[in-house]
Amino acid sequence: MVESIPDEQRLDRTREETPPTVSELDSPGKSQDLEHRRGILFVMTGASGVGKDSIRRVALPQLGDIHFSVSATTREKRPGEEHGSQYYFVGRDEFESLIANDGLLEYADYVGDYYGTPAAPVDEALAAGRDVLLELELVGARQVKRKHDDAVMVFIAPPTLSELERRLRGRGTDSEEKIQKRLARAREEIRAMREFDFVVVNDDLYGAVEVFSSIIRAERARAGRLLDADIAAFLRETDA
């Protein structure tokens, strides 16, 4: 059954309760120790209000060494948000300077506000072998996929559009005009789901977290990601 509480309250609950099944998954630690592996780029996309932030905040502590790339945005801070945590909150002039200087991996104008991902931290983390998670709107996700064809694309879907509308109204942060714009954009995003590698339906927070976490672990375990040095380590007949 879908819980009739806003995402913000769902987040508060995760701080107080031990998530069923999720708490029994792998304990935090380094990613599978494939010494020379390049990091994996994961892209999470979904409509505003679908619960991307809730899923990320519960899942990441279970997933070991994964770098969450904080995006920059020109939108106003919401209650409880902090600069440099959920987003870097910047003015339009500063954001447009980043665009002009090619300092963004992707960017998009979403219902009147800019969102974008600084490129350098992502490239540095991947080169160092760290997995990276980006949380992006559809336009930005498509830009990243064009630049990084090997990116793993994950779409977070609401159970229904009416449930998404209920969550948006429950936040109490947007005007009616902005809610209608977000719903119109959500229709476009849902129609694009088949562009993605995986779909996670957020009808129950903990169930969605478990599916999302399973995707990350499965991608890390793909045999095709092994290098010659990794195979040689498995073939070693004596302990080092």
Protein backbone atom coordinates (compact mmCIF):
# COMPACT_ATOMS: atom_id res chain seq x y z
CA MET A 1 0.00 0.00 0.00
CA VAL A 2 1.25 3.49 -0.79
CA GLU A 3 2.00 5.52 2.32
CA SER A 4 0.01 8.74 2.46
CA ILE A 5 2.82 10.86 3.88
CA PRO A 6 5.13 13.32 2.10
CA ASP A 7 8.70 12.37 1.17
CA GLU A 8 10.04 14.78 3.80
CA GLN A 9 8.30 12.81 6.57
CA ARG A 10 9.39 9.54 4.99
CA LEU A 11 12.97 10.76 5.26
CA ASP A 12 12.48 11.58 8.93
CA ARG A 13 11.21 8.06 9.51
CA THR A 14 14.33 6.50 8.03
CA ARG A 15 16.43 8.20 10.69
CA GLU A 16 14.34 6.60 13.45
CA GLU A 17 13.65 3.09 12.11
CA THR A 18 15.86 0.30 10.85
CA PRO A 19 14.66 -0.42 7.31
CA PRO A 20 13.38 -4.00 6.88
CA THR A 21 15.51 -6.09 4.50
CA VAL A 22 17.74 -3.10 3.68
CA SER A 23 19.51 -3.37 7.03
CA GLU A 24 20.37 -6.98 6.20
CA LEU A 25 22.15 -6.10 2.98
CA ASP A 26 25.91 -5.63 2.62
CA SER A 27 27.54 -3.52 5.30
CA PRO A 28 29.27 -0.29 4.23
CA GLY A 29 32.79 -0.62 2.93
CA LYS A 30 34.82 -0.27 -0.21
CA SER A 31 33.42 -1.38 -3.57
CA GLN A 32 34.37 -4.88 -4.70
CA ASP A 33 38.15 -4.77 -4.67
CA LEU A 34 39.03 -4.85 -8.36
CA GLU A 35 42.21 -2.87 -8.08
CA HIS A 36 42.40 -1.36 -11.57
CA ARG A 37 38.71 -0.98 -12.33
CA ARG A 38 37.46 2.36 -13.60
CA GLY A 39 34.49 3.66 -11.65
CA ILE A 40 30.93 3.06 -12.85
CA LEU A 41 28.72 6.05 -13.63
CA PHE A 42 25.13 5.64 -12.42
CA VAL A 43 22.44 8.12 -13.44
CA MET A 44 19.19 8.33 -11.43
CA THR A 45 16.27 10.15 -13.08
CA GLY A 46 12.61 10.60 -12.25
CA ALA A 47 9.89 13.20 -11.96
CA SER A 48 10.02 15.86 -9.27
CA GLY A 49 8.35 14.49 -6.13
CA VAL A 50 8.87 10.82 -7.01
CA GLY A 51 11.26 10.27 -4.08
CA LYS A 52 14.71 10.19 -5.70
CA ASP A 53 16.31 11.95 -2.75
CA SER A 54 14.60 9.62 -0.24
CA ILE A 55 15.85 6.51 -2.05
CA ARG A 56 19.37 7.88 -2.37
CA ARG A 57 19.68 8.87 1.27
CA VAL A 58 18.62 5.43 2.52
CA ALA A 59 20.50 3.40 -0.11
CA LEU A 60 23.93 5.04 -0.25
CA PRO A 61 25.10 4.11 3.28
CA GLN A 62 24.46 0.47 2.30
CA LEU A 63 26.53 0.66 -0.89
CA GLY A 64 30.07 1.33 0.26
CA ASP A 65 32.40 3.54 -1.74
CA ILE A 66 30.14 5.49 -4.08
CA HIS A 67 30.49 9.20 -4.77
CA PHE A 68 27.28 11.23 -4.94
CA SER A 69 27.87 14.17 -7.24
CA VAL A 70 26.18 17.30 -5.89
CA SER A 71 24.56 19.37 -8.63
CA ALA A 72 24.34 23.13 -8.90
CA THR A 73 20.97 24.86 -9.22
CA THR A 74 19.49 28.34 -9.36
CA ARG A 75 16.25 27.36 -7.57
CA GLU A 76 15.49 28.54 -4.05
CA LYS A 77 16.46 26.38 -1.09
CA ARG A 78 13.63 24.37 0.48
CA PRO A 79 13.24 24.01 4.26
CA GLY A 80 15.91 21.68 5.64
CA GLU A 81 18.22 21.92 2.64
CA GLU A 82 21.83 23.08 2.97
CA HIS A 83 24.22 24.56 0.42
CA GLY A 84 26.64 21.85 -0.73
CA SER A 85 24.51 18.98 0.59
CA GLN A 86 21.45 18.52 -1.64
CA TYR A 87 22.66 21.14 -4.16
CA TYR A 88 25.06 24.03 -4.61
CA PHE A 89 22.63 26.96 -4.65
CA VAL A 90 23.94 29.64 -7.00
CA GLY A 91 22.65 32.70 -8.86
CA ARG A 92 21.82 32.68 -12.56
CA ASP A 93 24.88 34.78 -13.43
CA GLU A 94 27.20 32.33 -11.69
CA PHE A 95 25.52 29.36 -13.35
CA GLU A 96 25.71 30.92 -16.80
CA SER A 97 29.41 31.56 -16.19
CA LEU A 98 29.87 27.81 -15.59
CA ILE A 99 28.11 27.11 -18.89
CA ALA A 100 30.30 29.58 -20.76
CA ASN A 101 33.48 28.06 -19.30
CA ASP A 102 32.50 24.46 -20.16
CA GLY A 103 32.51 23.59 -16.48
CA LEU A 104 29.40 21.40 -16.52
CA LEU A 105 28.95 17.76 -17.51
CA GLU A 106 25.30 18.53 -18.24
CA TYR A 107 22.72 21.19 -17.50
CA ALA A 108 19.05 21.86 -18.07
CA ASP A 109 16.42 24.53 -17.52
CA TYR A 110 13.67 22.86 -15.48
CA VAL A 111 10.43 24.84 -14.93
CA GLY A 112 12.34 28.12 -14.82
CA ASP A 113 15.42 27.06 -12.85
CA TYR A 114 18.84 25.82 -14.00
CA TYR A 115 20.26 22.48 -12.82
CA GLY A 116 23.71 21.20 -13.76
CA THR A 117 26.57 18.87 -12.79
CA PRO A 118 30.14 20.15 -12.33
CA ALA A 119 32.32 17.98 -14.60
CA ALA A 120 35.69 17.86 -12.83
CA PRO A 121 34.69 16.00 -9.61
CA VAL A 122 32.90 13.32 -11.64
CA ASP A 123 35.81 12.71 -14.01
CA GLU A 124 38.30 12.60 -11.14
CA ALA A 125 36.26 10.09 -9.13
CA LEU A 126 35.72 7.74 -12.10
CA ALA A 127 39.42 7.84 -13.01
CA ALA A 128 40.29 6.94 -9.40
CA GLY A 129 38.06 3.86 -9.57
CA ARG A 130 35.18 5.26 -7.52
CA ASP A 131 31.60 4.67 -8.60
CA VAL A 132 29.61 7.88 -9.10
CA LEU A 133 25.87 8.55 -8.76
CA LEU A 134 24.23 11.47 -10.54
CA GLU A 135 20.66 12.53 -9.75
CA LEU A 136 19.41 14.31 -12.87
CA GLU A 137 16.39 15.54 -14.79
CA LEU A 138 15.61 13.83 -18.12
CA VAL A 139 17.33 16.43 -20.32
CA GLY A 140 20.53 16.22 -18.28
CA ALA A 141 20.44 12.42 -18.21
CA ARG A 142 20.28 12.33 -21.99
CA GLN A 143 23.26 14.69 -22.23
CA VAL A 144 25.32 12.46 -19.92
CA LYS A 145 24.39 9.33 -21.89
CA ARG A 146 25.64 10.96 -25.10
CA LYS A 147 29.00 11.73 -23.43
CA HIS A 148 29.24 8.50 -21.38
CA ASP A 149 27.66 5.70 -23.38
CA ASP A 150 28.53 3.18 -20.66
CA ALA A 151 26.56 5.06 -17.97
CA VAL A 152 23.98 2.90 -16.14
CA MET A 153 20.61 4.65 -16.42
CA VAL A 154 17.99 4.15 -13.66
CA PHE A 155 14.50 5.65 -13.82
CA ILE A 156 12.51 6.16 -10.60
CA ALA A 157 8.79 5.98 -11.40
CA PRO A 158 5.71 6.84 -9.33
CA PRO A 159 3.04 4.13 -9.07
CA THR A 160 0.60 6.52 -10.80
CA LEU A 161 0.50 10.14 -11.90
CA SER A 162 -2.26 10.86 -9.38
CA GLU A 163 -0.01 9.63 -6.55
CA LEU A 164 2.77 11.87 -7.82
CA GLU A 165 0.40 14.85 -7.77
CA ARG A 166 -0.58 14.01 -4.18
CA ARG A 167 3.08 13.99 -3.13
CA LEU A 168 3.78 17.30 -4.87
CA ARG A 169 0.84 18.97 -3.16
CA GLY A 170 1.82 17.41 0.16
CA ARG A 171 5.23 19.13 0.05
CA GLY A 172 3.53 22.52 0.24
CA THR A 173 6.46 24.28 -1.45
CA ASP A 174 5.16 25.01 -4.96
CA SER A 175 2.51 27.27 -6.43
CA GLU A 176 -0.36 25.77 -8.42
CA GLU A 177 1.29 26.96 -11.62
CA LYS A 178 4.54 25.22 -10.74
CA ILE A 179 2.75 22.00 -9.75
CA GLN A 180 1.04 21.89 -13.14
CA LYS A 181 4.39 22.47 -14.89
CA ARG A 182 5.96 19.64 -12.88
CA LEU A 183 3.09 17.29 -13.77
CA ALA A 184 3.36 18.19 -17.46
CA ARG A 185 7.09 17.47 -17.33
CA ALA A 186 6.41 14.21 -15.46
CA ARG A 187 4.22 12.96 -18.31
CA GLU A 188 7.09 13.54 -20.73
CA GLU A 189 9.57 11.81 -18.42
CA ILE A 190 7.36 8.76 -17.87
CA ARG A 191 6.89 8.34 -21.62
CA ALA A 192 10.71 8.21 -21.93
CA MET A 193 11.18 5.35 -19.42
CA ARG A 194 12.22 2.86 -22.11
CA GLU A 195 15.34 4.91 -22.78
CA PHE A 196 16.66 3.69 -19.43
CA ASP A 197 18.36 0.45 -18.41
CA PHE A 198 16.26 -0.07 -15.26
CA VAL A 199 12.97 1.17 -13.77
CA VAL A 200 12.35 1.31 -10.00
CA VAL A 201 8.74 1.96 -8.94
CA ASN A 202 8.60 3.93 -5.69
CA ASP A 203 5.29 2.74 -4.28
CA ASP A 204 7.01 1.76 -1.03
CA LEU A 205 10.23 3.48 0.04
CA TYR A 206 12.05 0.49 1.50
CA GLY A 207 11.09 -1.81 -1.36
CA ALA A 208 12.33 0.78 -3.87
CA VAL A 209 15.60 1.14 -1.94
CA GLU A 210 16.17 -2.61 -2.06
CA VAL A 211 15.60 -2.76 -5.83
CA PHE A 212 17.81 0.28 -6.44
CA SER A 213 20.60 -1.16 -4.27
CA SER A 214 20.37 -4.50 -6.09
CA ILE A 215 20.94 -2.72 -9.41
CA ILE A 216 24.14 -1.09 -8.12
CA ARG A 217 25.47 -4.41 -6.78
CA ALA A 218 24.62 -6.31 -9.95
CA GLU A 219 26.42 -3.78 -12.14
CA ARG A 220 29.51 -3.99 -9.94
CA ALA A 221 29.49 -7.79 -10.33
CA ARG A 222 29.31 -7.86 -14.14
CA ALA A 223 31.98 -10.20 -15.52
CA GLY A 224 32.50 -7.87 -18.47
CA ARG A 225 33.98 -5.25 -16.13
CA LEU A 226 36.90 -7.52 -15.15
CA LEU A 227 40.32 -6.59 -16.50
CA ASP A 228 43.20 -8.95 -17.33
CA ALA A 229 44.81 -8.11 -13.99
CA ASP A 230 41.65 -9.21 -12.16
CA ILE A 231 41.58 -12.57 -13.99
CA ALA A 232 45.26 -13.06 -13.17
CA ALA A 233 44.50 -12.51 -9.49
CA PHE A 234 41.81 -15.19 -9.55
CA LEU A 235 44.24 -17.60 -11.23
CA ARG A 236 46.97 -17.08 -8.61
CA GLU A 237 47.81 -20.46 -7.08
CA THR A 238 49.67 -19.25 -4.01
CA ASP A 239 48.76 -16.68 -1.42
CA ALA A 240 50.71 -13.40 -1.64
